[in-house]
């Protein structure tokens, strides 16, 4: 893309009052932005009204600085790209949604956009230890089966899903709510670098855009739009993950949810989705079969072996007493008959082994791998 053409796209995006829907109307009427900015005010007013036509005739504040910043950012690394609605590489899946982004800033492996099977994984920013385990394990198994994981780089389930995909040596896409010259949350700076090396970072927001609250629900339509299905791992009833699930359903994508404890607030959103028609999933194979992506099952039976291992009885009486529901010390003592000191010592040992997680409020929960 020539500099003048790219600058015209940035000017259109930056013009106050011209959202993506209005921009698409202008593009449909006049062609490329570089052409529409050459049109007389009267022609623009016929499409947008006189007020917006006047704004289109004036350079937006900060536009030239953004052009220079974008030019320098693109020149700084060959893995950086700026796609527009008019580019051949623009994802066809996003063209099918109601509100496709006007621009996409990308950093990483561009071919990841053409991966044949992409699944979004979203969920709570404050998951239970079991939820974090589920996100990692599902992402790892799905990647081993040939999928690419799409998520939002947020704390909690998003981060665990990206980590699981990377650990399996596979592809992951992170759709963020800031400019790509920033990382939010800062805790995920190292994770973002790994994703840029092994997958792809994606944003519709101009460079320099800070983490503004309205941007994150809006970016969710891109997460679901790029995917064939969305898996909600854990979500409270007011979770932003339910926005992603709703948008996925509206876009004609499959919606999956992992059930959880009836006592965990992070499970209530998943249970609500299941009541509304989302598919209840217990293994990655459930998802692959629904998407008709793996007629013969998972390679090497990886998911079936993992499921079988989880269902094997344990000889540890404390794990049997604990089950998979969060439990307090008093309830555990009543079930297993151990004195307080012995029980606490055994729980600490199991926690160090990664078989039990300590929760808030003095509760303990068995991990699936335990």
Protein backbone atom coordinates (compact mmCIF):
# COMPACT_ATOMS: atom_id res chain seq x y z
CA UNK A 1 0.00 0.00 0.00
CA UNK A 2 1.34 3.43 -0.94
CA UNK A 3 1.82 5.97 1.85
CA UNK A 4 -0.81 8.36 0.46
CA UNK A 5 -3.41 5.60 0.25
CA UNK A 6 -2.67 4.38 3.78
CA UNK A 7 -2.78 7.94 5.13
CA UNK A 8 -6.23 8.40 3.57
CA UNK A 9 -7.52 5.29 5.36
CA UNK A 10 -6.15 6.61 8.66
CA UNK A 11 -7.76 9.99 8.05
CA UNK A 12 -11.14 8.37 7.42
CA UNK A 13 -10.83 6.30 10.60
CA UNK A 14 -9.80 9.35 12.64
CA UNK A 15 -12.47 11.78 11.39
CA UNK A 16 -14.77 12.67 14.34
CA UNK A 17 -18.31 11.37 13.96
CA UNK A 18 -17.44 8.96 11.14
CA UNK A 19 -17.79 5.47 12.56
CA UNK A 20 -17.17 2.27 10.67
CA UNK A 21 -20.76 2.07 9.39
CA UNK A 22 -20.63 5.58 7.93
CA UNK A 23 -17.18 4.89 6.53
CA UNK A 24 -18.51 1.82 4.71
CA UNK A 25 -21.33 3.93 3.21
CA UNK A 26 -18.77 6.43 1.94
CA UNK A 27 -16.57 3.69 0.50
CA UNK A 28 -19.55 2.12 -1.25
CA UNK A 29 -20.42 5.49 -2.80
CA UNK A 30 -16.97 6.78 -3.76
CA UNK A 31 -14.48 3.91 -3.68
CA UNK A 32 -11.17 4.22 -1.85
CA UNK A 33 -10.68 6.91 0.83
CA UNK A 34 -8.10 8.69 -1.31
CA UNK A 35 -10.87 9.17 -3.90
CA UNK A 36 -13.63 10.24 -1.53
CA UNK A 37 -11.46 12.98 0.01
CA UNK A 38 -11.16 14.47 -3.45
CA UNK A 39 -14.94 14.77 -3.81
CA UNK A 40 -16.70 18.12 -3.41
CA UNK A 41 -18.56 18.88 -0.20
CA UNK A 42 -21.95 18.60 -1.89
CA UNK A 43 -21.25 15.05 -3.05
CA UNK A 44 -20.17 14.01 0.45
CA UNK A 45 -23.19 15.72 2.03
CA UNK A 46 -25.51 13.67 -0.16
CA UNK A 47 -24.24 10.55 1.60
CA UNK A 48 -23.46 11.71 5.13
CA UNK A 49 -25.31 14.99 5.64
CA UNK A 50 -23.78 18.46 5.72
CA UNK A 51 -22.27 18.28 9.21
CA UNK A 52 -20.17 15.18 8.57
CA UNK A 53 -19.34 16.37 5.08
CA UNK A 54 -17.79 19.47 6.58
CA UNK A 55 -15.74 17.36 9.00
CA UNK A 56 -14.49 15.21 6.15
CA UNK A 57 -13.10 18.32 4.49
CA UNK A 58 -10.95 19.15 7.54
CA UNK A 59 -7.84 17.23 8.56
CA UNK A 60 -8.53 15.45 11.90
CA UNK A 61 -6.48 16.52 14.88
CA UNK A 62 -3.44 14.29 15.30
CA UNK A 63 -3.83 12.71 11.87
CA UNK A 64 -0.41 13.62 10.48
CA UNK A 65 1.27 12.48 13.69
CA UNK A 66 -0.59 9.16 13.46
CA UNK A 67 0.52 8.74 9.85
CA UNK A 68 4.16 9.20 10.83
CA UNK A 69 3.80 6.94 13.85
CA UNK A 70 2.18 4.21 11.77
CA UNK A 71 4.79 4.49 9.03
CA UNK A 72 7.61 4.13 11.57
CA UNK A 73 5.88 1.21 13.31
CA UNK A 74 5.41 -0.70 10.05
CA UNK A 75 9.01 -0.05 9.01
CA UNK A 76 10.31 -1.25 12.37
CA UNK A 77 9.50 -4.94 11.83
CA UNK A 78 8.66 -6.99 8.73
CA UNK A 79 6.03 -8.91 10.72
CA UNK A 80 3.86 -5.79 11.11
CA UNK A 81 0.99 -5.11 8.73
CA UNK A 82 -1.99 -2.81 8.27
CA UNK A 83 -4.94 -4.36 6.43
CA UNK A 84 -7.95 -2.44 5.17
CA UNK A 85 -11.37 -3.54 4.02
CA UNK A 86 -10.06 -3.25 0.48
CA UNK A 87 -7.08 -5.61 0.91
CA UNK A 88 -7.06 -9.11 -0.57
CA UNK A 89 -5.57 -10.46 2.70
CA UNK A 90 -8.42 -9.05 4.80
CA UNK A 91 -10.09 -12.05 6.55
CA UNK A 92 -13.13 -13.19 4.58
CA UNK A 93 -14.83 -14.29 7.84
CA UNK A 94 -14.87 -10.71 9.12
CA UNK A 95 -16.45 -9.45 5.91
CA UNK A 96 -19.44 -11.63 6.77
CA UNK A 97 -20.16 -10.07 10.18
CA UNK A 98 -22.49 -7.13 10.68
CA UNK A 99 -19.80 -4.62 11.65
CA UNK A 100 -16.42 -5.53 10.12
CA UNK A 101 -13.54 -3.35 11.32
CA UNK A 102 -12.32 -0.76 8.86
CA UNK A 103 -8.65 -1.40 9.62
CA UNK A 104 -6.68 -4.25 11.17
CA UNK A 105 -3.24 -3.73 12.69
CA UNK A 106 -1.33 -7.03 12.76
CA UNK A 107 1.94 -8.22 14.22
CA UNK A 108 3.20 -11.74 13.73
CA UNK A 109 2.56 -14.50 11.23
CA UNK A 110 0.06 -13.25 8.65
CA UNK A 111 -0.65 -16.79 7.43
CA UNK A 112 -2.32 -17.47 10.79
CA UNK A 113 -5.36 -15.62 9.42
CA UNK A 114 -5.77 -18.44 6.90
CA UNK A 115 -5.64 -21.28 9.41
CA UNK A 116 -8.42 -23.74 8.44
CA UNK A 117 -9.75 -24.31 11.98
CA UNK A 118 -9.92 -21.46 14.50
CA UNK A 119 -11.64 -21.74 17.85
CA UNK A 120 -12.12 -18.88 20.30
CA UNK A 121 -11.63 -19.53 24.01
CA UNK A 122 -12.83 -16.91 26.48
CA UNK A 123 -13.74 -16.69 30.14
CA UNK A 124 -13.31 -15.08 33.52
CA UNK A 125 -10.43 -12.77 34.39
CA UNK A 126 -10.61 -14.29 37.88
CA UNK A 127 -10.98 -18.00 37.22
CA UNK A 128 -10.83 -20.86 39.67
CA UNK A 129 -7.67 -22.98 39.55
CA UNK A 130 -9.76 -25.66 37.85
CA UNK A 131 -10.87 -23.16 35.21
CA UNK A 132 -7.26 -22.20 34.49
CA UNK A 133 -6.37 -25.88 34.13
CA UNK A 134 -9.29 -26.45 31.78
CA UNK A 135 -8.27 -23.54 29.57
CA UNK A 136 -4.68 -24.76 29.27
CA UNK A 137 -5.62 -28.39 28.74
CA UNK A 138 -8.35 -27.72 26.16
CA UNK A 139 -6.14 -25.27 24.25
CA UNK A 140 -3.23 -27.72 24.25
CA UNK A 141 -5.35 -30.65 23.06
CA UNK A 142 -7.18 -28.62 20.41
CA UNK A 143 -3.89 -27.32 19.01
CA UNK A 144 -2.51 -30.86 18.92
CA UNK A 145 -5.62 -31.78 16.91
CA UNK A 146 -4.87 -29.03 14.39
CA UNK A 147 -6.81 -26.02 15.70
CA UNK A 148 -5.70 -22.42 16.17
CA UNK A 149 -6.80 -20.74 19.42
CA UNK A 150 -8.26 -17.20 19.32
CA UNK A 151 -8.59 -15.15 22.51
CA UNK A 152 -8.21 -11.65 23.92
CA UNK A 153 -4.91 -11.58 25.89
CA UNK A 154 -6.81 -10.74 29.09
CA UNK A 155 -5.88 -12.04 32.51
CA UNK A 156 -7.31 -15.37 33.56
CA UNK A 157 -8.83 -17.74 31.01
CA UNK A 158 -7.61 -15.79 27.95
CA UNK A 159 -4.00 -15.90 29.08
CA UNK A 160 -4.21 -19.59 30.03
CA UNK A 161 -5.68 -20.44 26.61
CA UNK A 162 -2.87 -18.61 24.80
CA UNK A 163 -0.30 -20.31 27.04
CA UNK A 164 -1.74 -23.76 26.37
CA UNK A 165 -1.64 -23.19 22.62
CA UNK A 166 1.97 -21.98 22.74
CA UNK A 167 3.02 -24.87 24.97
CA UNK A 168 1.67 -27.27 22.34
CA UNK A 169 3.80 -25.53 19.70
CA UNK A 170 0.75 -24.32 17.82
CA UNK A 171 -0.90 -21.17 16.57
CA UNK A 172 -2.79 -18.59 18.61
CA UNK A 173 -4.37 -15.24 17.72
CA UNK A 174 -4.77 -12.45 20.30
CA UNK A 175 -7.32 -9.73 19.55
CA UNK A 176 -6.57 -6.77 21.81
CA UNK A 177 -8.38 -3.60 22.86
CA UNK A 178 -5.43 -1.20 22.60
CA UNK A 179 -3.06 -0.02 19.91
CA UNK A 180 -0.47 -2.67 19.05
CA UNK A 181 2.32 -0.45 20.33
CA UNK A 182 0.97 -1.09 23.82
CA UNK A 183 0.37 -4.27 25.82
CA UNK A 184 -2.51 -4.57 28.28
CA UNK A 185 -2.37 -5.95 30.85
CA UNK A 186 1.32 -5.19 31.37
CA UNK A 187 1.69 -8.56 33.04
CA UNK A 188 1.27 -10.13 29.60
CA UNK A 189 4.12 -8.34 27.86
CA UNK A 190 6.22 -11.51 27.60
CA UNK A 191 3.17 -13.49 26.48
CA UNK A 192 2.41 -10.92 23.77
CA UNK A 193 5.97 -11.22 22.45
CA UNK A 194 5.63 -15.00 22.25
CA UNK A 195 2.32 -14.69 20.43
CA UNK A 196 3.86 -12.29 17.91
CA UNK A 197 6.62 -14.84 17.27
CA UNK A 198 4.40 -17.91 17.04
CA UNK A 199 0.98 -16.52 16.14
CA UNK A 200 -0.59 -13.12 15.54
CA UNK A 201 -1.54 -10.00 17.51
CA UNK A 202 -4.57 -8.14 16.10
CA UNK A 203 -6.15 -4.76 16.81
CA UNK A 204 -8.58 -2.44 15.05
CA UNK A 205 -7.42 0.51 17.14
CA UNK A 206 -4.85 3.11 16.00
CA UNK A 207 -1.39 3.10 17.50
CA UNK A 208 -1.29 4.91 20.81
CA UNK A 209 -4.83 3.88 21.81
CA UNK A 210 -4.82 3.23 25.59
CA UNK A 211 -6.85 0.49 27.32
CA UNK A 212 -10.25 2.22 27.29
CA UNK A 213 -13.10 0.22 28.83
CA UNK A 214 -15.52 0.44 25.82
CA UNK A 215 -12.90 -1.03 23.48
CA UNK A 216 -12.87 -4.48 25.05
CA UNK A 217 -16.53 -5.50 24.57
CA UNK A 218 -16.29 -4.11 21.04
CA UNK A 219 -13.22 -6.15 20.11
CA UNK A 220 -15.12 -9.32 21.12
CA UNK A 221 -17.00 -9.34 17.79
CA UNK A 222 -13.62 -9.82 16.08
CA UNK A 223 -12.70 -12.71 18.39
CA UNK A 224 -15.93 -14.54 17.53
CA UNK A 225 -15.92 -13.38 13.90
CA UNK A 226 -12.50 -14.90 13.23
CA UNK A 227 -13.57 -18.24 14.72
CA UNK A 228 -15.75 -21.15 13.74
CA UNK A 229 -16.86 -21.54 17.31
CA UNK A 230 -16.47 -20.04 20.78
CA UNK A 231 -15.74 -22.03 23.93
CA UNK A 232 -16.62 -20.32 27.23
CA UNK A 233 -14.54 -21.93 29.97
CA UNK A 234 -15.73 -19.99 33.03
CA UNK A 235 -17.90 -16.89 33.18
CA UNK A 236 -19.99 -15.07 35.75
CA UNK A 237 -23.48 -13.94 34.78
CA UNK A 238 -22.27 -10.40 34.01
CA UNK A 239 -19.09 -11.52 32.25
CA UNK A 240 -17.90 -9.96 29.02
CA UNK A 241 -17.43 -13.53 27.79
CA UNK A 242 -21.21 -13.79 27.48
CA UNK A 243 -21.07 -10.82 25.08
CA UNK A 244 -18.65 -12.80 22.94
CA UNK A 245 -20.92 -15.84 23.09
CA UNK A 246 -23.97 -13.79 22.11
CA UNK A 247 -22.11 -12.21 19.20
CA UNK A 248 -20.91 -15.65 18.10
CA UNK A 249 -24.50 -16.91 18.01
CA UNK A 250 -25.61 -13.84 16.05
CA UNK A 251 -22.77 -14.43 13.59
CA UNK A 252 -23.81 -18.04 13.06
CA UNK A 253 -20.87 -19.52 14.98
CA UNK A 254 -21.07 -22.50 17.33
CA UNK A 255 -21.16 -21.79 21.06
CA UNK A 256 -19.71 -24.26 23.58
CA UNK A 257 -19.56 -24.09 27.38
CA UNK A 258 -17.85 -26.13 30.09
CA UNK A 259 -20.09 -26.77 33.09
CA UNK A 260 -18.72 -26.23 36.58
CA UNK A 261 -19.58 -26.32 40.23
CA UNK A 262 -23.04 -25.08 41.20
CA UNK A 263 -21.29 -23.24 44.06
CA UNK A 264 -18.87 -21.27 41.87
CA UNK A 265 -20.01 -17.83 40.61
CA UNK A 266 -17.62 -18.31 37.66
CA UNK A 267 -19.77 -21.24 36.45
CA UNK A 268 -23.14 -19.50 36.38
CA UNK A 269 -22.58 -17.82 33.03
CA UNK A 270 -21.67 -21.17 31.44
CA UNK A 271 -24.74 -22.80 32.94
CA UNK A 272 -26.92 -19.98 31.57
CA UNK A 273 -25.43 -20.46 28.11
CA UNK A 274 -26.10 -24.20 28.25
CA UNK A 275 -29.73 -23.53 29.20
CA UNK A 276 -29.94 -21.20 26.20
CA UNK A 277 -28.69 -23.86 23.79
CA UNK A 278 -24.88 -23.80 23.96
CA UNK A 279 -23.35 -27.24 23.66
CA UNK A 280 -22.12 -28.70 26.93
CA UNK A 281 -18.59 -30.00 26.43
CA UNK A 282 -16.52 -32.33 28.58
CA UNK A 283 -13.60 -32.88 26.19
CA UNK A 284 -11.95 -31.31 23.18
CA UNK A 285 -13.33 -34.19 21.10
CA UNK A 286 -16.87 -32.87 21.73
CA UNK A 287 -15.88 -29.61 20.02
CA UNK A 288 -14.03 -31.19 17.12
CA UNK A 289 -16.91 -33.52 16.36
CA UNK A 290 -19.38 -30.64 16.38
CA UNK A 291 -17.22 -28.64 13.98
CA UNK A 292 -16.73 -31.76 11.83
CA UNK A 293 -13.02 -31.08 11.85
CA UNK A 294 -11.77 -34.46 12.98
CA UNK A 295 -13.80 -37.35 11.49
CA UNK A 296 -11.34 -39.94 12.76
CA UNK A 297 -10.90 -38.47 16.22
CA UNK A 298 -7.88 -36.79 17.76
CA UNK A 299 -4.36 -37.69 16.63
CA UNK A 300 -2.91 -40.51 18.71
CA UNK A 301 -6.05 -40.49 20.88
CA UNK A 302 -4.56 -37.68 22.98
CA UNK A 303 -7.87 -36.35 24.27
CA UNK A 304 -9.34 -39.78 24.95
CA UNK A 305 -6.24 -40.78 26.89
CA UNK A 306 -6.41 -37.60 28.96
CA UNK A 307 -10.11 -38.12 29.67
CA UNK A 308 -9.49 -41.73 30.62
CA UNK A 309 -6.71 -40.69 32.96
CA UNK A 310 -8.96 -38.15 34.66
CA UNK A 311 -11.64 -40.79 35.17
CA UNK A 312 -9.31 -43.37 36.70
CA UNK A 313 -10.13 -44.06 40.35
CA UNK A 314 -7.57 -42.81 42.84
CA UNK A 315 -6.28 -44.75 45.80
CA UNK A 316 -5.82 -41.56 47.81
CA UNK A 317 -8.70 -41.45 50.32
CA UNK A 318 -8.34 -37.69 50.80
CA UNK A 319 -8.78 -37.02 47.07
CA UNK A 320 -11.77 -39.34 47.06
CA UNK A 321 -13.25 -37.43 50.00
CA UNK A 322 -12.52 -34.08 48.36
CA UNK A 323 -14.15 -34.91 45.03
CA UNK A 324 -14.32 -32.00 42.58
CA UNK A 325 -16.43 -29.56 44.59
CA UNK A 326 -14.82 -26.83 46.76
CA UNK A 327 -14.73 -28.03 50.37
CA UNK A 328 -13.70 -26.59 53.73
CA UNK A 329 -11.62 -28.25 56.43
CA UNK A 330 -14.62 -29.10 58.63
CA UNK A 331 -16.43 -30.89 55.80
CA UNK A 332 -13.28 -32.80 54.84
CA UNK A 333 -12.64 -33.86 58.42
CA UNK A 334 -16.18 -35.21 58.65
CA UNK A 335 -15.66 -37.23 55.46
CA UNK A 336 -12.18 -38.66 56.04
CA UNK A 337 -11.80 -38.68 59.83
CA UNK A 338 -8.30 -37.15 59.88
CA UNK A 339 -7.24 -34.82 62.67
CA UNK A 340 -6.70 -31.15 61.78
CA UNK A 341 -2.88 -31.22 61.73
CA UNK A 342 -2.70 -34.36 59.59
CA UNK A 343 -5.38 -33.07 57.22
CA UNK A 344 -3.64 -29.72 56.72
CA UNK A 345 -0.29 -31.43 56.13
CA UNK A 346 -1.80 -33.78 53.52
CA UNK A 347 -3.58 -30.90 51.78
CA UNK A 348 -0.33 -28.94 51.63
CA UNK A 349 1.45 -31.94 50.14
CA UNK A 350 -1.27 -32.39 47.50
CA UNK A 351 -1.16 -28.65 46.77
CA UNK A 352 2.61 -28.82 46.13
CA UNK A 353 2.00 -31.80 43.83
CA UNK A 354 -0.50 -29.75 41.80
CA UNK A 355 -3.37 -32.10 42.66
CA UNK A 356 -5.28 -29.74 44.96
CA UNK A 357 -5.83 -25.97 44.75
CA UNK A 358 -6.37 -23.61 47.68
CA UNK A 359 -9.30 -21.23 47.12
CA UNK A 360 -10.43 -18.06 48.87
CA UNK A 361 -12.38 -18.49 52.08
CA UNK A 362 -10.39 -21.47 53.34
CA UNK A 363 -11.72 -23.83 50.66
CA UNK A 364 -9.87 -26.52 48.75
CA UNK A 365 -10.61 -28.01 45.33
CA UNK A 366 -9.26 -31.03 43.53
CA UNK A 367 -7.74 -30.32 40.13
CA UNK A 368 -8.84 -32.39 37.14
CA UNK A 369 -5.31 -33.72 36.75
CA UNK A 370 -5.49 -34.90 40.35
